[in-house]
Amino acid sequence: MIHLAISEHAIERAKERVGWNRSALGRMLERVFYDGISASTPCRKIREFLSSYQSPDLNRFARAYGEHVLLFSWGSVPDEAVLVTVLQLLHDLRPAAREAKRLAYAA
């Protein structure tokens, strides 16, 4: 199982951009990591957007959840993913994110 950690920067950005405090972010972290939209989605717009945040060595990756994008990085410990920051999903990509989520549930 993957251990999930949160950086201090991510806690500050979650409070600023989403309104989640430390405990809310902790509760949502597992949901976002496992149920969020990844760069392997069949929806082209979201796939390209999330892939742009992925580093070439696959050390960084993103998940879209609701109207937000959460950026993760693999930690120094094996099987550890660290939430680095939280961003707003671009307005024009929100319908595509809803469609990607619908496709994921239909499969």
C-alpha atoms as a PDB file:
ATOM      1  CA  MET A   1       0.000   0.000   0.000  1.00  0.00           C
ATOM      2  CA  ILE A   2       1.183   3.489  -0.771  1.00  0.00           C
ATOM      3  CA  HIS A   3       1.836   5.832   2.129  1.00  0.00           C
ATOM      4  CA  LEU A   4       0.436   9.317   1.483  1.00  0.00           C
ATOM      5  CA  ALA A   5       2.053  12.420   2.959  1.00  0.00           C
ATOM      6  CA  ILE A   6       1.271  16.137   2.737  1.00  0.00           C
ATOM      7  CA  SER A   7       3.793  18.962   2.414  1.00  0.00           C
ATOM      8  CA  GLU A   8       3.365  22.182   4.378  1.00  0.00           C
ATOM      9  CA  HIS A   9       3.076  24.062   1.085  1.00  0.00           C
ATOM     10  CA  ALA A  10       0.159  21.825   0.055  1.00  0.00           C
ATOM     11  CA  ILE A  11      -1.613  22.511   3.357  1.00  0.00           C
ATOM     12  CA  GLU A  12      -1.292  26.266   2.794  1.00  0.00           C
ATOM     13  CA  ARG A  13      -2.502  26.051  -0.838  1.00  0.00           C
ATOM     14  CA  ALA A  14      -5.435  23.773   0.064  1.00  0.00           C
ATOM     15  CA  LYS A  15      -6.583  26.294   2.667  1.00  0.00           C
ATOM     16  CA  GLU A  16      -6.100  29.221   0.277  1.00  0.00           C
ATOM     17  CA  ARG A  17      -7.525  27.712  -2.921  1.00  0.00           C
ATOM     18  CA  VAL A  18     -10.024  25.083  -1.785  1.00  0.00           C
ATOM     19  CA  GLY A  19     -10.884  26.058   1.782  1.00  0.00           C
ATOM     20  CA  TRP A  20      -9.707  22.737   3.256  1.00  0.00           C
ATOM     21  CA  ASN A  21      -7.861  22.823   6.557  1.00  0.00           C
ATOM     22  CA  ARG A  22      -5.220  20.257   7.531  1.00  0.00           C
ATOM     23  CA  SER A  23      -7.685  17.645   8.786  1.00  0.00           C
ATOM     24  CA  ALA A  24     -10.034  18.019   5.783  1.00  0.00           C
ATOM     25  CA  LEU A  25      -7.078  17.633   3.435  1.00  0.00           C
ATOM     26  CA  GLY A  26      -5.979  14.533   5.311  1.00  0.00           C
ATOM     27  CA  ARG A  27      -9.466  13.022   4.949  1.00  0.00           C
ATOM     28  CA  MET A  28      -9.643  13.837   1.234  1.00  0.00           C
ATOM     29  CA  LEU A  29      -6.107  12.745   0.343  1.00  0.00           C
ATOM     30  CA  GLU A  30      -6.792   9.031  -0.085  1.00  0.00           C
ATOM     31  CA  ARG A  31      -9.976   9.738  -2.050  1.00  0.00           C
ATOM     32  CA  VAL A  32      -8.149  12.096  -4.392  1.00  0.00           C
ATOM     33  CA  PHE A  33      -5.191   9.752  -4.898  1.00  0.00           C
ATOM     34  CA  TYR A  34      -7.210   6.621  -5.664  1.00  0.00           C
ATOM     35  CA  ASP A  35     -10.452   8.036  -7.117  1.00  0.00           C
ATOM     36  CA  GLY A  36      -9.150  11.178  -8.830  1.00  0.00           C
ATOM     37  CA  ILE A  37      -8.737  11.438 -12.580  1.00  0.00           C
ATOM     38  CA  SER A  38      -5.239  10.454 -13.683  1.00  0.00           C
ATOM     39  CA  ALA A  39      -3.302  11.114 -16.887  1.00  0.00           C
ATOM     40  CA  SER A  40      -4.391   7.704 -18.177  1.00  0.00           C
ATOM     41  CA  THR A  41      -7.999   8.845 -18.667  1.00  0.00           C
ATOM     42  CA  PRO A  42      -9.543   8.279 -22.113  1.00  0.00           C
ATOM     43  CA  CYS A  43     -10.657  11.933 -22.237  1.00  0.00           C
ATOM     44  CA  ARG A  44      -8.061  13.640 -24.441  1.00  0.00           C
ATOM     45  CA  LYS A  45      -8.301  17.191 -23.028  1.00  0.00           C
ATOM     46  CA  ILE A  46      -7.817  16.120 -19.433  1.00  0.00           C
ATOM     47  CA  ARG A  47      -5.177  13.525 -20.353  1.00  0.00           C
ATOM     48  CA  GLU A  48      -3.052  16.143 -22.136  1.00  0.00           C
ATOM     49  CA  PHE A  49      -3.512  18.674 -19.330  1.00  0.00           C
ATOM     50  CA  LEU A  50      -2.533  16.251 -16.560  1.00  0.00           C
ATOM     51  CA  SER A  51       0.347  14.848 -18.630  1.00  0.00           C
ATOM     52  CA  SER A  52       1.814  18.350 -18.861  1.00  0.00           C
ATOM     53  CA  TYR A  53       2.405  18.226 -15.083  1.00  0.00           C
ATOM     54  CA  GLN A  54       4.092  14.822 -15.240  1.00  0.00           C
ATOM     55  CA  SER A  55       7.877  14.863 -15.179  1.00  0.00           C
ATOM     56  CA  PRO A  56       9.809  12.834 -17.782  1.00  0.00           C
ATOM     57  CA  ASP A  57      11.170  10.476 -15.111  1.00  0.00           C
ATOM     58  CA  LEU A  58       7.633  10.000 -13.716  1.00  0.00           C
ATOM     59  CA  ASN A  59       8.645  11.443 -10.348  1.00  0.00           C
ATOM     60  CA  ARG A  60       5.795  13.997 -10.494  1.00  0.00           C
ATOM     61  CA  PHE A  61       2.184  13.327 -11.393  1.00  0.00           C
ATOM     62  CA  ALA A  62      -1.214  14.980 -11.069  1.00  0.00           C
ATOM     63  CA  ARG A  63      -4.753  13.964 -10.191  1.00  0.00           C
ATOM     64  CA  ALA A  64      -7.882  15.983 -10.987  1.00  0.00           C
ATOM     65  CA  TYR A  65     -10.646  15.854  -8.411  1.00  0.00           C
ATOM     66  CA  GLY A  66     -13.747  17.993  -8.681  1.00  0.00           C
ATOM     67  CA  GLU A  67     -12.602  21.434  -9.757  1.00  0.00           C
ATOM     68  CA  HIS A  68      -9.045  21.010  -8.510  1.00  0.00           C
ATOM     69  CA  VAL A  69      -5.726  19.550  -9.597  1.00  0.00           C
ATOM     70  CA  LEU A  70      -3.504  18.038  -6.940  1.00  0.00           C
ATOM     71  CA  LEU A  71       0.175  17.569  -7.750  1.00  0.00           C
ATOM     72  CA  PHE A  72       2.055  14.674  -6.183  1.00  0.00           C
ATOM     73  CA  SER A  73       5.677  13.627  -6.101  1.00  0.00           C
ATOM     74  CA  TRP A  74       7.141  10.278  -5.132  1.00  0.00           C
ATOM     75  CA  GLY A  75       8.847  10.595  -1.750  1.00  0.00           C
ATOM     76  CA  SER A  76      12.317   9.575  -0.698  1.00  0.00           C
ATOM     77  CA  VAL A  77      10.892   6.518   1.052  1.00  0.00           C
ATOM     78  CA  PRO A  78       9.725   3.660  -1.207  1.00  0.00           C
ATOM     79  CA  ASP A  79       5.959   3.612  -1.784  1.00  0.00           C
ATOM     80  CA  GLU A  80       5.456   7.151  -0.473  1.00  0.00           C
ATOM     81  CA  ALA A  81       3.554   9.794  -2.447  1.00  0.00           C
ATOM     82  CA  VAL A  82       3.726  13.392  -1.214  1.00  0.00           C
ATOM     83  CA  LEU A  83       1.075  15.970  -2.048  1.00  0.00           C
ATOM     84  CA  VAL A  84       3.046  18.988  -3.241  1.00  0.00           C
ATOM     85  CA  THR A  85       0.415  21.589  -4.120  1.00  0.00           C
ATOM     86  CA  VAL A  86      -3.230  22.197  -4.991  1.00  0.00           C
ATOM     87  CA  LEU A  87      -4.367  24.171  -8.045  1.00  0.00           C
ATOM     88  CA  GLN A  88      -7.702  25.210  -9.522  1.00  0.00           C
ATOM     89  CA  LEU A  89      -8.733  23.313 -12.644  1.00  0.00           C
ATOM     90  CA  LEU A  90      -9.074  25.639 -15.622  1.00  0.00           C
ATOM     91  CA  HIS A  91     -12.691  26.633 -16.303  1.00  0.00           C
ATOM     92  CA  ASP A  92     -12.684  25.341 -19.866  1.00  0.00           C
ATOM     93  CA  LEU A  93     -11.491  21.899 -18.662  1.00  0.00           C
ATOM     94  CA  ARG A  94     -14.185  21.388 -16.028  1.00  0.00           C
ATOM     95  CA  PRO A  95     -16.747  19.867 -18.445  1.00  0.00           C
ATOM     96  CA  ALA A  96     -14.043  17.519 -19.744  1.00  0.00           C
ATOM     97  CA  ALA A  97     -13.237  16.481 -16.161  1.00  0.00           C
ATOM     98  CA  ARG A  98     -16.891  15.675 -15.508  1.00  0.00           C
ATOM     99  CA  GLU A  99     -16.976  13.617 -18.717  1.00  0.00           C
ATOM    100  CA  ALA A 100     -13.785  11.765 -17.737  1.00  0.00           C
ATOM    101  CA  LYS A 101     -15.284  10.948 -14.341  1.00  0.00           C
ATOM    102  CA  ARG A 102     -18.497   9.737 -15.996  1.00  0.00           C
ATOM    103  CA  LEU A 103     -16.475   7.484 -18.323  1.00  0.00           C
ATOM    104  CA  ALA A 104     -14.539   6.089 -15.363  1.00  0.00           C
ATOM    105  CA  TYR A 105     -17.757   5.146 -13.549  1.00  0.00           C
ATOM    106  CA  ALA A 106     -19.298   3.658 -16.705  1.00  0.00           C
ATOM    107  CA  ALA A 107     -16.369   1.264 -17.172  1.00  0.00           C
END
